[in-house]
């Protein structure tokens, strides 16, 4: 019997299977495809980020298998939502981890503060070196510049599309689980908004990467199993 396809879409840090240390365990039960988003190519200079192109790639990888599930983290959740809006027949469920779907909540307080903090930096990014951009980005989010990416990783970050610029204005009508770490108001605000449209919400430890914890992975695996059982009923 053919296994159901699951496309996993990383955020802005690690890419490919390396971004999903716990979810690699799903490969024994599902046909897992660890997507690399635009800008995370394995060779050469990183391309500019493109949420629409990533959404098209998600749908392409689902079309050949008759559809499947999408699991996405942070900025990757924007492309996952766009894919589900474009063709909900192919996206059987969405699992969104700390989703940066800020274009849906831009008028809400936490998101408005987040945009007010970062938008000026993006407005001047073409005038900054990649390392300077990455240092300032990290400083604005964490309060200190230590640990900011450098070199190719900084160039990759600088070339990513701000998630609030994605053409995402509606929520797809597909079963959705949101997993957050309970640490940052802007992600909890997005989660609350998505719950108001019918999503389920689980809070797990782990900060911005709750899927790296046993609790977070269990929530994801349980939701996928429930969707599989529902489809088979």
Protein backbone atom coordinates (compact mmCIF):
# COMPACT_ATOMS: atom_id res chain seq x y z
CA UNK A 1 0.00 0.00 0.00
CA UNK A 2 1.36 3.43 -0.94
CA UNK A 3 2.21 5.74 1.96
CA UNK A 4 0.61 9.17 2.17
CA UNK A 5 2.85 12.07 1.18
CA UNK A 6 3.85 14.58 3.87
CA UNK A 7 5.70 17.70 2.72
CA UNK A 8 7.75 19.36 5.47
CA UNK A 9 8.62 23.03 4.91
CA UNK A 10 11.40 24.53 7.02
CA UNK A 11 11.65 28.03 8.46
CA UNK A 12 14.59 30.43 8.29
CA UNK A 13 17.27 28.39 10.03
CA UNK A 14 18.13 24.83 9.18
CA UNK A 15 16.89 23.41 5.87
CA UNK A 16 15.90 20.07 4.40
CA UNK A 17 15.83 17.02 6.66
CA UNK A 18 18.25 18.74 9.08
CA UNK A 19 15.43 21.11 10.04
CA UNK A 20 13.31 18.20 11.27
CA UNK A 21 15.37 16.03 13.67
CA UNK A 22 12.30 14.56 15.38
CA UNK A 23 10.01 14.43 12.35
CA UNK A 24 12.44 12.27 10.40
CA UNK A 25 10.90 9.47 12.47
CA UNK A 26 7.71 9.95 10.44
CA UNK A 27 9.44 8.57 7.36
CA UNK A 28 8.65 5.02 8.41
CA UNK A 29 4.93 5.77 8.32
CA UNK A 30 4.60 8.42 5.61
CA UNK A 31 6.19 9.35 2.30
CA UNK A 32 8.08 12.34 3.70
CA UNK A 33 9.50 15.02 1.44
CA UNK A 34 11.75 17.56 3.14
CA UNK A 35 11.37 20.63 0.94
CA UNK A 36 14.13 23.20 0.54
CA UNK A 37 12.66 26.67 0.24
CA UNK A 38 13.90 29.20 -2.31
CA UNK A 39 17.19 30.57 -0.99
CA UNK A 40 18.32 27.34 0.66
CA UNK A 41 19.91 25.77 -2.41
CA UNK A 42 22.70 23.30 -1.67
CA UNK A 43 25.23 25.12 -3.88
CA UNK A 44 25.96 28.62 -5.15
CA UNK A 45 24.69 31.95 -3.90
CA UNK A 46 21.27 31.91 -2.21
CA UNK A 47 18.38 33.05 -4.38
CA UNK A 48 15.88 35.65 -3.20
CA UNK A 49 13.08 34.23 -1.13
CA UNK A 50 9.76 33.69 -2.89
CA UNK A 51 6.77 32.43 -0.91
CA UNK A 52 4.67 31.99 -4.05
CA UNK A 53 7.35 29.85 -5.71
CA UNK A 54 7.62 27.74 -2.56
CA UNK A 55 3.83 27.31 -2.52
CA UNK A 56 3.94 26.13 -6.14
CA UNK A 57 6.69 23.67 -5.22
CA UNK A 58 4.59 22.28 -2.37
CA UNK A 59 1.65 21.70 -4.71
CA UNK A 60 3.89 20.13 -7.34
CA UNK A 61 5.17 17.61 -4.80
CA UNK A 62 1.61 16.82 -3.68
CA UNK A 63 0.05 16.59 -7.14
CA UNK A 64 1.93 13.46 -8.15
CA UNK A 65 0.66 11.54 -5.13
CA UNK A 66 -2.96 12.65 -5.13
CA UNK A 67 -2.41 15.08 -2.29
CA UNK A 68 -1.18 14.79 1.26
CA UNK A 69 -0.35 16.66 4.42
CA UNK A 70 1.85 19.73 4.90
CA UNK A 71 3.90 20.44 8.02
CA UNK A 72 5.56 23.86 8.08
CA UNK A 73 7.61 26.00 10.44
CA UNK A 74 7.75 29.78 10.88
CA UNK A 75 8.16 31.54 7.49
CA UNK A 76 7.59 28.20 5.78
CA UNK A 77 4.04 28.27 7.11
CA UNK A 78 3.29 31.23 4.86
CA UNK A 79 3.99 29.14 1.76
CA UNK A 80 2.02 26.24 3.23
CA UNK A 81 -1.03 28.45 3.73
CA UNK A 82 -0.67 29.89 0.23
CA UNK A 83 -0.53 26.37 -1.22
CA UNK A 84 -3.68 25.35 0.65
CA UNK A 85 -5.50 28.46 -0.52
CA UNK A 86 -4.44 27.82 -4.12
CA UNK A 87 -5.53 24.17 -4.18
CA UNK A 88 -7.18 22.83 -0.99
CA UNK A 89 -7.96 19.55 -2.76
CA UNK A 90 -4.29 18.62 -2.61
CA UNK A 91 -3.63 19.80 0.94
CA UNK A 92 -5.40 17.31 3.20
CA UNK A 93 -4.21 19.00 6.39
CA UNK A 94 -1.90 21.74 7.65
CA UNK A 95 0.35 21.60 10.68
CA UNK A 96 1.74 25.10 11.29
CA UNK A 97 4.53 25.50 13.83
CA UNK A 98 5.07 29.05 15.14
CA UNK A 99 3.54 30.34 11.88
CA UNK A 100 4.82 33.72 10.68
CA UNK A 101 1.52 34.43 8.93
CA UNK A 102 1.70 38.10 9.85
CA UNK A 103 -0.20 39.35 6.83
CA UNK A 104 -3.30 37.78 8.43
CA UNK A 105 -2.83 39.59 11.74
CA UNK A 106 -1.02 42.79 10.76
CA UNK A 107 -3.71 44.96 12.41
CA UNK A 108 -3.59 43.12 15.74
CA UNK A 109 -1.45 44.56 18.56
CA UNK A 110 1.44 42.09 18.88
CA UNK A 111 1.87 41.78 15.11
CA UNK A 112 1.69 45.54 14.64
CA UNK A 113 4.49 45.97 17.19
CA UNK A 114 6.54 43.24 15.50
CA UNK A 115 6.17 44.92 12.09
CA UNK A 116 6.99 48.32 13.54
CA UNK A 117 10.23 46.84 14.88
CA UNK A 118 11.37 45.01 11.74
CA UNK A 119 9.86 46.89 8.78
CA UNK A 120 12.32 49.84 8.99
CA UNK A 121 15.25 47.40 8.84
CA UNK A 122 13.86 45.72 5.72
CA UNK A 123 13.28 49.14 4.16
CA UNK A 124 17.01 49.86 4.28
CA UNK A 125 18.39 46.37 3.77
CA UNK A 126 19.72 47.11 0.27
CA UNK A 127 21.98 49.76 1.80
CA UNK A 128 23.43 47.38 4.39
CA UNK A 129 25.96 44.61 4.12
CA UNK A 130 24.50 41.17 4.74
CA UNK A 131 26.44 40.79 7.99
CA UNK A 132 25.24 44.20 9.23
CA UNK A 133 21.64 43.33 8.34
CA UNK A 134 21.82 39.96 10.11
CA UNK A 135 23.41 41.52 13.21
CA UNK A 136 20.72 44.19 13.42
CA UNK A 137 17.94 41.65 12.74
CA UNK A 138 19.18 39.43 15.56
CA UNK A 139 19.60 42.41 17.86
CA UNK A 140 16.05 43.61 17.25
CA UNK A 141 14.56 40.18 17.95
CA UNK A 142 16.71 39.07 20.87
CA UNK A 143 18.07 42.27 22.38
CA UNK A 144 21.64 41.36 21.48
CA UNK A 145 23.58 40.76 18.29
CA UNK A 146 25.53 37.77 19.54
CA UNK A 147 24.98 34.64 17.48
CA UNK A 148 23.87 36.49 14.35
CA UNK A 149 24.49 34.57 11.11
CA UNK A 150 27.39 35.66 8.94
CA UNK A 151 28.62 35.02 5.40
CA UNK A 152 26.30 33.02 3.18
CA UNK A 153 23.82 32.51 6.04
CA UNK A 154 23.57 36.29 6.49
CA UNK A 155 23.09 36.79 2.74
CA UNK A 156 20.35 34.18 2.78
CA UNK A 157 18.54 35.94 5.63
CA UNK A 158 18.86 39.34 3.95
CA UNK A 159 17.34 38.04 0.71
CA UNK A 160 14.28 36.48 2.29
CA UNK A 161 10.88 38.04 1.65
CA UNK A 162 9.37 39.65 4.76
CA UNK A 163 6.52 37.28 5.72
CA UNK A 164 4.04 40.13 6.16
CA UNK A 165 4.39 40.95 2.45
CA UNK A 166 3.00 37.60 1.33
CA UNK A 167 -0.28 37.83 -0.61
CA UNK A 168 -2.13 35.91 2.09
CA UNK A 169 -5.50 37.39 3.02
CA UNK A 170 -7.73 34.36 3.68
CA UNK A 171 -7.39 31.10 5.55
CA UNK A 172 -7.88 27.81 3.67
CA UNK A 173 -10.72 25.58 4.79
CA UNK A 174 -8.58 22.54 5.58
CA UNK A 175 -8.03 20.79 8.94
CA UNK A 176 -5.27 22.72 10.70
CA UNK A 177 -3.13 22.25 13.80
CA UNK A 178 -1.08 25.15 15.16
CA UNK A 179 1.84 24.39 17.49
CA UNK A 180 3.49 27.24 19.37
CA UNK A 181 6.12 27.49 22.08
CA UNK A 182 4.23 29.90 24.33
CA UNK A 183 7.17 32.26 24.53
CA UNK A 184 6.46 35.07 22.04
CA UNK A 185 3.16 37.04 21.89
CA UNK A 186 3.23 37.54 18.13
CA UNK A 187 3.07 33.79 17.41
CA UNK A 188 0.39 33.26 20.05
CA UNK A 189 -1.61 36.06 18.41
CA UNK A 190 -1.38 34.33 15.01
CA UNK A 191 -2.40 31.05 16.65
CA UNK A 192 -5.40 32.66 18.34
CA UNK A 193 -6.50 34.14 15.03
CA UNK A 194 -6.21 30.76 13.29
CA UNK A 195 -8.16 29.09 16.10
CA UNK A 196 -10.94 31.62 15.47
CA UNK A 197 -11.13 30.23 11.92
CA UNK A 198 -11.36 26.60 13.07
CA UNK A 199 -7.78 25.48 13.76
CA UNK A 200 -6.67 23.46 16.78
CA UNK A 201 -3.86 24.85 18.93
CA UNK A 202 -1.26 23.11 21.09
CA UNK A 203 1.42 24.81 23.18
CA UNK A 204 4.61 22.81 23.71
CA UNK A 205 8.00 23.72 25.20
CA UNK A 206 10.98 24.52 23.02
CA UNK A 207 10.68 28.22 22.25
CA UNK A 208 10.60 28.86 18.50
CA UNK A 209 11.24 25.16 17.76
CA UNK A 210 8.60 23.27 19.79
CA UNK A 211 8.67 20.47 17.21
CA UNK A 212 12.14 19.52 18.46
CA UNK A 213 10.64 18.43 21.80
CA UNK A 214 8.92 15.14 22.58
CA UNK A 215 5.68 16.99 23.37
CA UNK A 216 5.72 18.95 20.14
CA UNK A 217 6.50 15.93 18.01
CA UNK A 218 3.78 13.90 19.72
CA UNK A 219 1.22 16.60 18.90
CA UNK A 220 2.27 16.60 15.24
CA UNK A 221 2.33 12.82 14.92
CA UNK A 222 -1.01 12.50 16.69
CA UNK A 223 -2.69 15.05 14.44
CA UNK A 224 -1.39 13.35 11.29
CA UNK A 225 -2.61 9.97 12.57
CA UNK A 226 -6.06 11.44 13.29
CA UNK A 227 -6.27 12.88 9.78
CA UNK A 228 -5.23 9.56 8.28
CA UNK A 229 -7.85 7.71 10.30
CA UNK A 230 -10.51 10.25 9.32
CA UNK A 231 -9.66 9.88 5.65
CA UNK A 232 -9.83 6.09 5.88
CA UNK A 233 -13.18 6.04 7.72
